Amino acid sequence: MKKRISELSAEEWQKVFPIVLEAHNPSCKNWYENERQNILNAVKAEDVVRINHIGSSAVEGLIAKPMIDILLEIDGCCNVTKLVEDLNAIGFGDEIFTRRDDPMRLLLGKGFSSDGYAGKVYLLHVRYLGDWDELYFRDFLIANSDVAAEYGNLKINILKDIESGIIERMPNGNPNGYSEAKVEFVKKYSNIAKQEFHDRYKPR
């Protein structure tokens, strides 16, 4: 019987889901738009406050992992259990699903299996409406190609350090070593962006 993703060992995870960096794929924009519409068709309209394409695949010219990150911001009165059920119905969360609280954050994957990645892979981040750094960081990279290039080089170097063993990809069995190695860079430019863009995503 085939294992579920949650049953994979750290070694198996790294083999099934290698970190791959690819040149920007112009099709990502259309893939996002199609999935955005699928999501909006599946959930209650009054629950959705904002939905955005985030992450490196949203930045033209930036190398990225072959997956699309989507930030879905929901209303505070949303029935989260029902929302998750509706998202499950269109393939989100079958294998990748995590929840954190204070503040509430959901992560639902689509296109993942213990056989590896499908042709189109999505990570859906569900949160209550907020002043999220990911939106500012995306906008700053789009507006500053030199910083985007620096970020791309950082990702390449982090991947080299993981492959050589300098950085642990799965500390304590969690696949977040790559992301953690980018935190200081992302935080630095997110804070600059919030000043430059005057809190454009802050709820009013």
N, C-alpha and C. Protein backbone atom coordinates (compact mmCIF):
# COMPACT_ATOMS: atom_id res chain seq x y z
N MET A 1 0.85 -1.20 0.00
CA MET A 1 0.00 0.00 0.00
C MET A 1 0.88 1.25 0.00
N LYS A 2 0.55 2.18 -0.88
CA LYS A 2 1.36 3.37 -1.01
C LYS A 2 1.27 4.25 0.23
N LYS A 3 2.41 4.79 0.66
CA LYS A 3 2.44 5.66 1.82
C LYS A 3 1.77 7.01 1.51
N ARG A 4 1.22 7.62 2.57
CA ARG A 4 0.81 9.01 2.47
C ARG A 4 2.03 9.87 2.76
N ILE A 5 1.97 11.14 2.36
CA ILE A 5 3.10 12.03 2.56
C ILE A 5 3.48 12.12 4.03
N SER A 6 2.48 12.15 4.90
CA SER A 6 2.73 12.27 6.34
C SER A 6 3.49 11.07 6.90
N GLU A 7 3.52 9.98 6.15
CA GLU A 7 4.21 8.77 6.60
C GLU A 7 5.64 8.67 6.09
N LEU A 8 6.06 9.60 5.24
CA LEU A 8 7.41 9.56 4.70
C LEU A 8 8.44 9.92 5.77
N SER A 9 9.56 9.22 5.76
CA SER A 9 10.67 9.60 6.64
C SER A 9 11.34 10.85 6.06
N ALA A 10 12.21 11.46 6.86
CA ALA A 10 12.94 12.63 6.39
C ALA A 10 13.74 12.32 5.13
N GLU A 11 14.36 11.15 5.10
CA GLU A 11 15.15 10.76 3.94
C GLU A 11 14.26 10.56 2.71
N GLU A 12 13.12 9.92 2.92
CA GLU A 12 12.19 9.71 1.81
C GLU A 12 11.64 11.04 1.30
N TRP A 13 11.31 11.95 2.21
CA TRP A 13 10.79 13.27 1.82
C TRP A 13 11.77 13.97 0.89
N GLN A 14 13.02 13.96 1.25
CA GLN A 14 14.02 14.68 0.46
C GLN A 14 14.21 14.07 -0.93
N LYS A 15 14.01 12.75 -1.03
CA LYS A 15 14.11 12.11 -2.34
C LYS A 15 12.87 12.39 -3.19
N VAL A 16 11.70 12.35 -2.57
CA VAL A 16 10.44 12.54 -3.30
C VAL A 16 10.25 14.00 -3.69
N PHE A 17 10.67 14.92 -2.80
CA PHE A 17 10.46 16.35 -3.04
C PHE A 17 11.79 17.11 -3.02
N PRO A 18 12.61 16.91 -4.04
CA PRO A 18 13.88 17.65 -4.10
C PRO A 18 13.62 19.14 -4.30
N ILE A 19 14.51 19.97 -3.80
CA ILE A 19 14.41 21.41 -4.05
C ILE A 19 14.94 21.66 -5.46
N VAL A 20 14.07 22.20 -6.29
CA VAL A 20 14.42 22.50 -7.68
C VAL A 20 14.15 23.98 -7.93
N LEU A 21 15.13 24.66 -8.50
CA LEU A 21 14.97 26.06 -8.87
C LEU A 21 14.99 26.17 -10.39
N GLU A 22 13.96 26.81 -10.93
CA GLU A 22 13.82 26.92 -12.38
C GLU A 22 13.66 28.38 -12.79
N ALA A 23 13.97 28.66 -14.05
CA ALA A 23 13.74 30.00 -14.59
C ALA A 23 12.25 30.32 -14.52
N HIS A 24 11.95 31.60 -14.44
CA HIS A 24 10.55 32.03 -14.34
C HIS A 24 9.73 31.46 -15.50
N ASN A 25 8.59 30.91 -15.15
CA ASN A 25 7.68 30.34 -16.14
C ASN A 25 6.53 31.31 -16.38
N PRO A 26 6.43 31.91 -17.56
CA PRO A 26 5.35 32.87 -17.83
C PRO A 26 3.96 32.27 -17.66
N SER A 27 3.84 30.95 -17.76
CA SER A 27 2.53 30.31 -17.62
C SER A 27 2.00 30.37 -16.20
N CYS A 28 2.88 30.65 -15.23
CA CYS A 28 2.45 30.67 -13.83
C CYS A 28 1.31 31.67 -13.60
N LYS A 29 1.35 32.78 -14.30
CA LYS A 29 0.29 33.78 -14.13
C LYS A 29 -1.07 33.20 -14.51
N ASN A 30 -1.13 32.49 -15.63
CA ASN A 30 -2.40 31.89 -16.06
C ASN A 30 -2.81 30.75 -15.14
N TRP A 31 -1.83 29.97 -14.69
CA TRP A 31 -2.15 28.87 -13.76
C TRP A 31 -2.73 29.43 -12.47
N TYR A 32 -2.15 30.53 -12.00
CA TYR A 32 -2.71 31.17 -10.80
C TYR A 32 -4.13 31.65 -11.04
N GLU A 33 -4.35 32.34 -12.15
CA GLU A 33 -5.68 32.89 -12.44
C GLU A 33 -6.72 31.77 -12.53
N ASN A 34 -6.36 30.66 -13.15
CA ASN A 34 -7.30 29.54 -13.26
C ASN A 34 -7.62 28.96 -11.88
N GLU A 35 -6.59 28.79 -11.07
CA GLU A 35 -6.83 28.22 -9.74
C GLU A 35 -7.54 29.20 -8.83
N ARG A 36 -7.25 30.47 -9.01
CA ARG A 36 -7.97 31.51 -8.26
C ARG A 36 -9.47 31.40 -8.50
N GLN A 37 -9.84 31.22 -9.77
CA GLN A 37 -11.25 31.12 -10.11
C GLN A 37 -11.85 29.84 -9.55
N ASN A 38 -11.09 28.75 -9.58
CA ASN A 38 -11.56 27.50 -8.98
C ASN A 38 -11.86 27.67 -7.50
N ILE A 39 -10.98 28.39 -6.81
CA ILE A 39 -11.16 28.62 -5.38
C ILE A 39 -12.40 29.48 -5.13
N LEU A 40 -12.54 30.55 -5.90
CA LEU A 40 -13.67 31.45 -5.71
C LEU A 40 -14.99 30.76 -6.04
N ASN A 41 -14.96 29.82 -6.95
CA ASN A 41 -16.17 29.07 -7.28
C ASN A 41 -16.53 28.06 -6.20
N ALA A 42 -15.52 27.64 -5.43
CA ALA A 42 -15.73 26.56 -4.46
C ALA A 42 -16.15 27.04 -3.08
N VAL A 43 -15.75 28.26 -2.70
CA VAL A 43 -16.00 28.73 -1.34
C VAL A 43 -17.05 29.84 -1.35
N LYS A 44 -17.55 30.17 -0.17
CA LYS A 44 -18.56 31.23 -0.06
C LYS A 44 -17.92 32.58 -0.34
N ALA A 45 -18.54 33.35 -1.22
CA ALA A 45 -17.98 34.64 -1.64
C ALA A 45 -17.78 35.58 -0.46
N GLU A 46 -18.71 35.55 0.50
CA GLU A 46 -18.61 36.48 1.63
C GLU A 46 -17.47 36.14 2.58
N ASP A 47 -16.90 34.95 2.44
CA ASP A 47 -15.76 34.57 3.29
C ASP A 47 -14.44 35.13 2.79
N VAL A 48 -14.38 35.45 1.50
CA VAL A 48 -13.12 35.88 0.87
C VAL A 48 -13.00 37.40 0.92
N VAL A 49 -11.89 37.85 1.53
CA VAL A 49 -11.62 39.29 1.55
C VAL A 49 -10.62 39.66 0.46
N ARG A 50 -9.54 38.89 0.36
CA ARG A 50 -8.54 39.12 -0.70
C ARG A 50 -7.93 37.79 -1.09
N ILE A 51 -7.48 37.72 -2.33
CA ILE A 51 -6.73 36.55 -2.79
C ILE A 51 -5.63 37.05 -3.70
N ASN A 52 -4.41 36.54 -3.48
CA ASN A 52 -3.25 37.06 -4.21
C ASN A 52 -2.27 35.94 -4.57
N HIS A 53 -1.61 36.13 -5.69
CA HIS A 53 -0.48 35.29 -6.09
C HIS A 53 0.76 35.83 -5.39
N ILE A 54 1.38 35.02 -4.56
CA ILE A 54 2.56 35.46 -3.82
C ILE A 54 3.73 34.52 -4.16
N GLY A 55 4.87 34.78 -3.52
CA GLY A 55 6.03 33.92 -3.75
C GLY A 55 6.77 34.26 -5.03
N SER A 56 7.86 33.55 -5.25
CA SER A 56 8.75 33.88 -6.37
C SER A 56 8.11 33.70 -7.73
N SER A 57 7.16 32.77 -7.86
CA SER A 57 6.53 32.57 -9.17
C SER A 57 5.68 33.75 -9.59
N ALA A 58 5.43 34.68 -8.66
CA ALA A 58 4.66 35.89 -8.98
C ALA A 58 5.55 37.03 -9.47
N VAL A 59 6.86 36.80 -9.49
CA VAL A 59 7.82 37.86 -9.85
C VAL A 59 8.48 37.51 -11.18
N GLU A 60 8.20 38.27 -12.19
CA GLU A 60 8.75 38.00 -13.52
C GLU A 60 10.27 38.04 -13.50
N GLY A 61 10.88 37.02 -14.08
CA GLY A 61 12.33 36.97 -14.19
C GLY A 61 13.05 36.33 -13.01
N LEU A 62 12.32 35.99 -11.95
CA LEU A 62 12.95 35.44 -10.76
C LEU A 62 12.90 33.91 -10.79
N ILE A 63 14.03 33.28 -10.51
CA ILE A 63 14.02 31.82 -10.41
C ILE A 63 13.13 31.40 -9.25
N ALA A 64 12.51 30.23 -9.39
CA ALA A 64 11.55 29.80 -8.38
C ALA A 64 11.43 28.29 -8.37
N LYS A 65 10.97 27.77 -7.25
CA LYS A 65 10.57 26.37 -7.23
C LYS A 65 9.33 26.23 -8.11
N PRO A 66 9.13 25.08 -8.76
CA PRO A 66 8.00 24.93 -9.69
C PRO A 66 6.68 24.72 -8.96
N MET A 67 6.26 25.74 -8.23
CA MET A 67 4.97 25.70 -7.56
C MET A 67 4.46 27.12 -7.38
N ILE A 68 3.16 27.23 -7.22
CA ILE A 68 2.52 28.54 -7.13
C ILE A 68 1.95 28.72 -5.73
N ASP A 69 2.34 29.80 -5.07
CA ASP A 69 1.82 30.13 -3.75
C ASP A 69 0.68 31.11 -3.88
N ILE A 70 -0.39 30.83 -3.16
CA ILE A 70 -1.58 31.68 -3.18
C ILE A 70 -1.92 32.05 -1.74
N LEU A 71 -2.17 33.33 -1.51
CA LEU A 71 -2.60 33.79 -0.19
C LEU A 71 -4.09 34.11 -0.25
N LEU A 72 -4.87 33.36 0.52
CA LEU A 72 -6.32 33.57 0.61
C LEU A 72 -6.61 34.17 1.98
N GLU A 73 -7.08 35.42 1.99
CA GLU A 73 -7.42 36.10 3.24
C GLU A 73 -8.93 36.05 3.43
N ILE A 74 -9.33 35.62 4.62
CA ILE A 74 -10.74 35.37 4.87
C ILE A 74 -11.30 36.31 5.94
N ASP A 75 -12.61 36.40 5.94
CA ASP A 75 -13.34 37.23 6.91
C ASP A 75 -13.31 36.56 8.29
N GLY A 76 -13.32 37.36 9.33
CA GLY A 76 -13.26 36.85 10.68
C GLY A 76 -14.44 36.00 11.08
N CYS A 77 -15.55 36.12 10.36
CA CYS A 77 -16.75 35.32 10.66
C CYS A 77 -16.81 34.02 9.88
N CYS A 78 -15.79 33.75 9.08
CA CYS A 78 -15.78 32.56 8.23
C CYS A 78 -15.80 31.28 9.07
N ASN A 79 -16.60 30.31 8.63
CA ASN A 79 -16.59 28.98 9.23
C ASN A 79 -15.40 28.23 8.61
N VAL A 80 -14.31 28.17 9.34
CA VAL A 80 -13.07 27.62 8.79
C VAL A 80 -13.21 26.14 8.46
N THR A 81 -13.92 25.40 9.29
CA THR A 81 -14.12 23.97 9.03
C THR A 81 -14.82 23.75 7.70
N LYS A 82 -15.88 24.53 7.45
CA LYS A 82 -16.60 24.42 6.17
C LYS A 82 -15.72 24.88 5.01
N LEU A 83 -14.94 25.92 5.22
CA LEU A 83 -14.03 26.40 4.18
C LEU A 83 -13.06 25.30 3.78
N VAL A 84 -12.48 24.62 4.75
CA VAL A 84 -11.53 23.55 4.46
C VAL A 84 -12.21 22.43 3.70
N GLU A 85 -13.43 22.09 4.07
CA GLU A 85 -14.17 21.06 3.35
C GLU A 85 -14.37 21.45 1.89
N ASP A 86 -14.72 22.71 1.65
CA ASP A 86 -14.92 23.18 0.28
C ASP A 86 -13.62 23.16 -0.52
N LEU A 87 -12.51 23.49 0.14
CA LEU A 87 -11.21 23.47 -0.54
C LEU A 87 -10.75 22.04 -0.80
N ASN A 88 -11.05 21.13 0.14
CA ASN A 88 -10.74 19.71 -0.08
C ASN A 88 -11.44 19.19 -1.32
N ALA A 89 -12.65 19.68 -1.57
CA ALA A 89 -13.44 19.19 -2.70
C ALA A 89 -12.79 19.52 -4.05
N ILE A 90 -11.90 20.52 -4.07
CA ILE A 90 -11.21 20.85 -5.32
C ILE A 90 -9.72 20.46 -5.24
N GLY A 91 -9.40 19.59 -4.30
CA GLY A 91 -8.07 18.99 -4.28
C GLY A 91 -7.06 19.60 -3.33
N PHE A 92 -7.44 20.64 -2.59
CA PHE A 92 -6.49 21.25 -1.66
C PHE A 92 -6.53 20.54 -0.31
N GLY A 93 -5.35 20.14 0.15
CA GLY A 93 -5.25 19.54 1.48
C GLY A 93 -5.35 18.04 1.52
N ASP A 94 -5.42 17.38 0.35
CA ASP A 94 -5.49 15.92 0.34
C ASP A 94 -4.28 15.29 1.02
N GLU A 95 -3.10 15.84 0.75
CA GLU A 95 -1.87 15.29 1.32
C GLU A 95 -1.12 16.30 2.19
N ILE A 96 -1.16 17.56 1.81
CA ILE A 96 -0.48 18.61 2.57
C ILE A 96 -1.53 19.46 3.27
N PHE A 97 -1.56 19.40 4.60
CA PHE A 97 -2.47 20.24 5.36
C PHE A 97 -1.89 20.47 6.75
N THR A 98 -1.67 21.73 7.10
CA THR A 98 -1.22 22.07 8.44
C THR A 98 -2.03 23.25 8.95
N ARG A 99 -2.13 23.34 10.27
CA ARG A 99 -2.81 24.47 10.89
C ARG A 99 -1.98 24.97 12.06
N ARG A 100 -1.81 26.28 12.12
CA ARG A 100 -1.19 26.94 13.26
C ARG A 100 -2.18 27.97 13.79
N ASP A 101 -2.10 28.25 15.07
CA ASP A 101 -3.00 29.25 15.66
C ASP A 101 -2.19 30.37 16.30
N ASP A 102 -2.93 31.48 16.55
CA ASP A 102 -2.36 32.67 17.22
C ASP A 102 -1.18 33.27 16.46
N PRO A 103 -1.39 33.82 15.26
CA PRO A 103 -2.67 33.89 14.55
C PRO A 103 -2.94 32.60 13.75
N MET A 104 -4.21 32.41 13.40
CA MET A 104 -4.62 31.23 12.66
C MET A 104 -4.00 31.25 11.26
N ARG A 105 -3.36 30.14 10.90
CA ARG A 105 -2.80 29.99 9.57
C ARG A 105 -3.03 28.56 9.11
N LEU A 106 -3.53 28.41 7.90
CA LEU A 106 -3.68 27.11 7.28
C LEU A 106 -2.76 27.04 6.07
N LEU A 107 -2.24 25.85 5.80
CA LEU A 107 -1.47 25.61 4.59
C LEU A 107 -2.02 24.35 3.95
N LEU A 108 -2.53 24.48 2.72
CA LEU A 108 -3.10 23.35 1.99
C LEU A 108 -2.38 23.20 0.66
N GLY A 109 -1.90 22.00 0.39
CA GLY A 109 -1.22 21.74 -0.86
C GLY A 109 -2.12 21.10 -1.88
N LYS A 110 -1.78 21.27 -3.14
CA LYS A 110 -2.47 20.61 -4.25
C LYS A 110 -1.41 20.23 -5.27
N GLY A 111 -1.47 18.99 -5.74
CA GLY A 111 -0.48 18.53 -6.70
C GLY A 111 0.68 17.78 -6.06
N PHE A 112 0.51 17.41 -4.78
CA PHE A 112 1.53 16.65 -4.06
C PHE A 112 1.04 15.23 -3.83
N SER A 113 1.93 14.26 -3.94
CA SER A 113 1.63 12.90 -3.52
C SER A 113 2.94 12.24 -3.13
N SER A 114 2.87 11.06 -2.55
CA SER A 114 4.09 10.37 -2.15
C SER A 114 4.90 9.89 -3.35
N ASP A 115 4.34 10.08 -4.56
CA ASP A 115 5.10 9.81 -5.79
C ASP A 115 5.88 11.03 -6.26
N GLY A 116 5.61 12.19 -5.63
CA GLY A 116 6.30 13.42 -6.03
C GLY A 116 5.32 14.50 -6.46
N TYR A 117 5.82 15.45 -7.23
CA TYR A 117 5.03 16.59 -7.68
C TYR A 117 4.22 16.23 -8.92
N ALA A 118 3.01 16.80 -9.01
CA ALA A 118 2.23 16.71 -10.24
C ALA A 118 2.71 17.79 -11.21
N GLY A 119 2.05 17.91 -12.35
CA GLY A 119 2.45 18.91 -13.34
C GLY A 119 2.29 20.33 -12.84
N LYS A 120 1.23 20.57 -12.09
CA LYS A 120 0.97 21.89 -11.52
C LYS A 120 0.82 21.72 -10.01
N VAL A 121 1.61 22.48 -9.28
CA VAL A 121 1.66 22.33 -7.83
C VAL A 121 1.35 23.67 -7.17
N TYR A 122 0.48 23.61 -6.15
CA TYR A 122 0.03 24.83 -5.48
C TYR A 122 0.19 24.69 -3.97
N LEU A 123 0.51 25.81 -3.31
CA LEU A 123 0.44 25.93 -1.87
C LEU A 123 -0.51 27.06 -1.55
N LEU A 124 -1.59 26.75 -0.86
CA LEU A 124 -2.61 27.74 -0.52
C LEU A 124 -2.46 28.11 0.95
N HIS A 125 -2.15 29.38 1.19
CA HIS A 125 -2.00 29.91 2.54
C HIS A 125 -3.30 30.63 2.91
N VAL A 126 -3.97 30.14 3.93
CA VAL A 126 -5.26 30.73 4.35
C VAL A 126 -5.07 31.43 5.69
N ARG A 127 -5.44 32.71 5.72
CA ARG A 127 -5.28 33.50 6.94
C ARG A 127 -6.43 34.51 7.04
N TYR A 128 -6.64 35.02 8.22
CA TYR A 128 -7.56 36.15 8.36
C TYR A 128 -6.89 37.37 7.75
N LEU A 129 -7.71 38.32 7.31
CA LEU A 129 -7.20 39.55 6.70
C LEU A 129 -6.15 40.19 7.59
N GLY A 130 -5.01 40.55 6.99
CA GLY A 130 -3.93 41.13 7.79
C GLY A 130 -2.91 41.85 6.94
N ASP A 131 -1.92 42.42 7.63
CA ASP A 131 -0.87 43.20 6.99
C ASP A 131 0.33 42.27 6.73
N TRP A 132 0.16 41.37 5.78
CA TRP A 132 1.10 40.26 5.62
C TRP A 132 2.35 40.64 4.83
N ASP A 133 3.51 40.23 5.36
CA ASP A 133 4.78 40.58 4.74
C ASP A 133 4.91 40.06 3.32
N GLU A 134 4.33 38.90 3.03
CA GLU A 134 4.49 38.29 1.70
C GLU A 134 4.03 39.22 0.58
N LEU A 135 2.99 40.00 0.84
CA LEU A 135 2.48 40.91 -0.18
C LEU A 135 3.45 42.05 -0.44
N TYR A 136 4.03 42.57 0.63
CA TYR A 136 5.00 43.65 0.48
C TYR A 136 6.29 43.17 -0.19
N PHE A 137 6.75 41.99 0.24
CA PHE A 137 7.98 41.46 -0.32
C PHE A 137 7.83 41.21 -1.81
N ARG A 138 6.71 40.64 -2.21
CA ARG A 138 6.44 40.42 -3.64
C ARG A 138 6.48 41.74 -4.39
N ASP A 139 5.79 42.74 -3.90
CA ASP A 139 5.72 44.03 -4.59
C ASP A 139 7.09 44.69 -4.68
N PHE A 140 7.90 44.53 -3.62
CA PHE A 140 9.22 45.15 -3.62
C PHE A 140 10.12 44.49 -4.65
N LEU A 141 10.04 43.17 -4.76
CA LEU A 141 10.86 42.47 -5.76
C LEU A 141 10.44 42.85 -7.18
N ILE A 142 9.14 42.99 -7.40
CA ILE A 142 8.65 43.39 -8.72
C ILE A 142 9.17 44.78 -9.08
N ALA A 143 9.22 45.67 -8.08
CA ALA A 143 9.63 47.06 -8.32
C ALA A 143 11.15 47.25 -8.34
N ASN A 144 11.90 46.27 -7.83
CA ASN A 144 13.35 46.42 -7.71
C ASN A 144 14.04 45.16 -8.24
N SER A 145 14.35 45.18 -9.53
CA SER A 145 14.92 43.99 -10.17
C SER A 145 16.28 43.62 -9.60
N ASP A 146 17.02 44.62 -9.08
CA ASP A 146 18.34 44.32 -8.51
C ASP A 146 18.19 43.50 -7.23
N VAL A 147 17.20 43.82 -6.42
CA VAL A 147 16.96 43.06 -5.19
C VAL A 147 16.42 41.67 -5.54
N ALA A 148 15.59 41.59 -6.57
CA ALA A 148 15.09 40.29 -7.02
C ALA A 148 16.25 39.40 -7.47
N ALA A 149 17.22 39.99 -8.20
CA ALA A 149 18.38 39.23 -8.64
C ALA A 149 19.22 38.77 -7.44
N GLU A 150 19.35 39.65 -6.45
CA GLU A 150 20.09 39.29 -5.23
C GLU A 150 19.40 38.13 -4.51
N TYR A 151 18.09 38.18 -4.49
CA TYR A 151 17.32 37.12 -3.85
C TYR A 151 17.49 35.79 -4.60
N GLY A 152 17.48 35.87 -5.90
CA GLY A 152 17.70 34.67 -6.70
C GLY A 152 19.06 34.05 -6.42
N ASN A 153 20.10 34.89 -6.33
CA ASN A 153 21.44 34.39 -6.03
C ASN A 153 21.51 33.78 -4.63
N LEU A 154 20.80 34.41 -3.69
CA LEU A 154 20.75 33.87 -2.33
C LEU A 154 20.16 32.46 -2.34
N LYS A 155 19.08 32.28 -3.07
CA LYS A 155 18.44 30.96 -3.12
C LYS A 155 19.37 29.91 -3.72
N ILE A 156 20.11 30.29 -4.76
CA ILE A 156 21.06 29.36 -5.38
C ILE A 156 22.13 28.96 -4.38
N ASN A 157 22.64 29.94 -3.63
CA ASN A 157 23.70 29.66 -2.66
C ASN A 157 23.18 28.81 -1.50
N ILE A 158 21.95 29.06 -1.06
CA ILE A 158 21.36 28.25 0.00
C ILE A 158 21.22 26.80 -0.46
N LEU A 159 20.78 26.62 -1.69
CA LEU A 159 20.63 25.27 -2.22
C LEU A 159 21.99 24.56 -2.28
N LYS A 160 23.03 25.28 -2.68
CA LYS A 160 24.37 24.70 -2.71
C LYS A 160 24.81 24.30 -1.30
N ASP A 161 24.49 25.16 -0.31
CA ASP A 161 24.87 24.86 1.07
C ASP A 161 24.11 23.65 1.61
N ILE A 162 22.87 23.48 1.18
CA ILE A 162 22.10 22.29 1.58
C ILE A 162 22.71 21.05 0.96
N GLU A 163 23.05 21.14 -0.32
CA GLU A 163 23.60 19.98 -1.02
C GLU A 163 24.97 19.58 -0.46
N SER A 164 25.72 20.56 0.06
CA SER A 164 27.04 20.27 0.61
C SER A 164 26.99 19.95 2.10
N GLY A 165 25.80 20.09 2.71
CA GLY A 165 25.65 19.75 4.11
C GLY A 165 25.90 20.89 5.07
N ILE A 166 26.18 22.09 4.57
CA ILE A 166 26.41 23.24 5.45
C ILE A 166 25.11 23.66 6.14
N ILE A 167 24.00 23.59 5.39
CA ILE A 167 22.68 23.89 5.94
C ILE A 167 21.88 22.60 5.95
N GLU A 168 21.20 22.34 7.05
CA GLU A 168 20.35 21.17 7.15
C GLU A 168 18.99 21.47 6.55
N ARG A 169 18.57 20.67 5.58
CA ARG A 169 17.29 20.93 4.94
C ARG A 169 16.11 20.61 5.84
N MET A 170 16.22 19.56 6.65
CA MET A 170 15.09 19.12 7.47
C MET A 170 15.47 19.08 8.95
N PRO A 171 15.69 20.25 9.56
CA PRO A 171 16.01 20.26 10.99
C PRO A 171 14.84 19.70 11.80
N ASN A 172 15.16 18.80 12.72
CA ASN A 172 14.14 18.15 13.56
C ASN A 172 13.05 17.45 12.74
N GLY A 173 13.40 17.04 11.52
CA GLY A 173 12.45 16.32 10.68
C GLY A 173 11.47 17.20 9.94
N ASN A 174 11.58 18.51 10.07
CA ASN A 174 10.68 19.43 9.37
C ASN A 174 11.36 20.01 8.14
N PRO A 175 10.67 20.04 6.99
CA PRO A 175 11.31 20.49 5.74
C PRO A 175 11.34 22.01 5.61
N ASN A 176 11.94 22.69 6.59
CA ASN A 176 11.92 24.15 6.55
C ASN A 176 13.31 24.79 6.58
N GLY A 177 14.35 23.98 6.42
CA GLY A 177 15.69 24.53 6.45
C GLY A 177 15.94 25.55 5.35
N TYR A 178 15.45 25.26 4.14
CA TYR A 178 15.61 26.18 3.01
C TYR A 178 14.91 27.50 3.28
N SER A 179 13.68 27.43 3.76
CA SER A 179 12.91 28.65 4.04
C SER A 179 13.54 29.46 5.16
N GLU A 180 13.97 28.78 6.23
CA GLU A 180 14.56 29.48 7.36
C GLU A 180 15.82 30.23 6.97
N ALA A 181 16.56 29.69 6.01
CA ALA A 181 17.80 30.34 5.58
C ALA A 181 17.54 31.65 4.84
N LYS A 182 16.31 31.85 4.39
CA LYS A 182 15.95 33.08 3.66
C LYS A 182 15.30 34.13 4.55
N VAL A 183 15.03 33.80 5.80
CA VAL A 183 14.18 34.63 6.66
C VAL A 183 14.72 36.05 6.82
N GLU A 184 16.01 36.18 7.12
CA GLU A 184 16.55 37.52 7.40
C GLU A 184 16.48 38.42 6.17
N PHE A 185 16.76 37.88 5.01
CA PHE A 185 16.67 38.66 3.76
C PHE A 185 15.23 39.11 3.53
N VAL A 186 14.30 38.18 3.67
CA VAL A 186 12.88 38.49 3.43
C VAL A 186 12.40 39.53 4.44
N LYS A 187 12.78 39.37 5.68
CA LYS A 187 12.35 40.30 6.73
C LYS A 187 12.88 41.71 6.46
N LYS A 188 14.15 41.78 6.08
CA LYS A 188 14.78 43.08 5.81
C LYS A 188 14.02 43.86 4.74
N TYR A 189 13.75 43.21 3.60
CA TYR A 189 13.13 43.94 2.50
C TYR A 189 11.62 44.07 2.67
N SER A 190 11.01 43.21 3.45
CA SER A 190 9.59 43.40 3.76
C SER A 190 9.40 44.65 4.60
N ASN A 191 10.29 44.87 5.56
CA ASN A 191 10.20 46.07 6.39
C ASN A 191 10.45 47.34 5.59
N ILE A 192 11.42 47.29 4.68
CA ILE A 192 11.67 48.44 3.80
C ILE A 192 10.44 48.71 2.94
N ALA A 193 9.84 47.64 2.42
CA ALA A 193 8.68 47.78 1.54
C ALA A 193 7.50 48.40 2.29
N LYS A 194 7.30 48.04 3.54
CA LYS A 194 6.18 48.59 4.30
C LYS A 194 6.32 50.10 4.46
N GLN A 195 7.55 50.55 4.60
CA GLN A 195 7.78 52.00 4.69
C GLN A 195 7.58 52.66 3.33
N GLU A 196 8.12 52.03 2.30
CA GLU A 196 8.05 52.62 0.95
C GLU A 196 6.62 52.63 0.41
N PHE A 197 5.87 51.57 0.71
CA PHE A 197 4.52 51.45 0.16
C PHE A 197 3.44 51.91 1.14
N HIS A 198 3.87 52.49 2.27
CA HIS A 198 2.94 53.14 3.20
C HIS A 198 1.79 52.22 3.64
N ASP A 199 2.13 51.02 4.08
CA ASP A 199 1.13 50.11 4.66
C ASP A 199 -0.04 49.87 3.72
N ARG A 200 0.24 49.65 2.45
CA ARG A 200 -0.82 49.52 1.45
C ARG A 200 -1.75 48.33 1.70
N TYR A 201 -1.29 47.33 2.43
CA TYR A 201 -2.13 46.16 2.67
C TYR A 201 -2.70 46.11 4.09
N LYS A 202 -2.48 47.14 4.85
CA LYS A 202 -2.99 47.18 6.23
C LYS A 202 -4.50 47.35 6.20
N PRO A 203 -5.26 46.48 6.90
CA PRO A 203 -6.72 46.62 6.92
C PRO A 203 -7.13 47.97 7.48
N ARG A 204 -8.13 48.57 6.86
CA ARG A 204 -8.60 49.90 7.31
C ARG A 204 -9.84 49.76 8.18
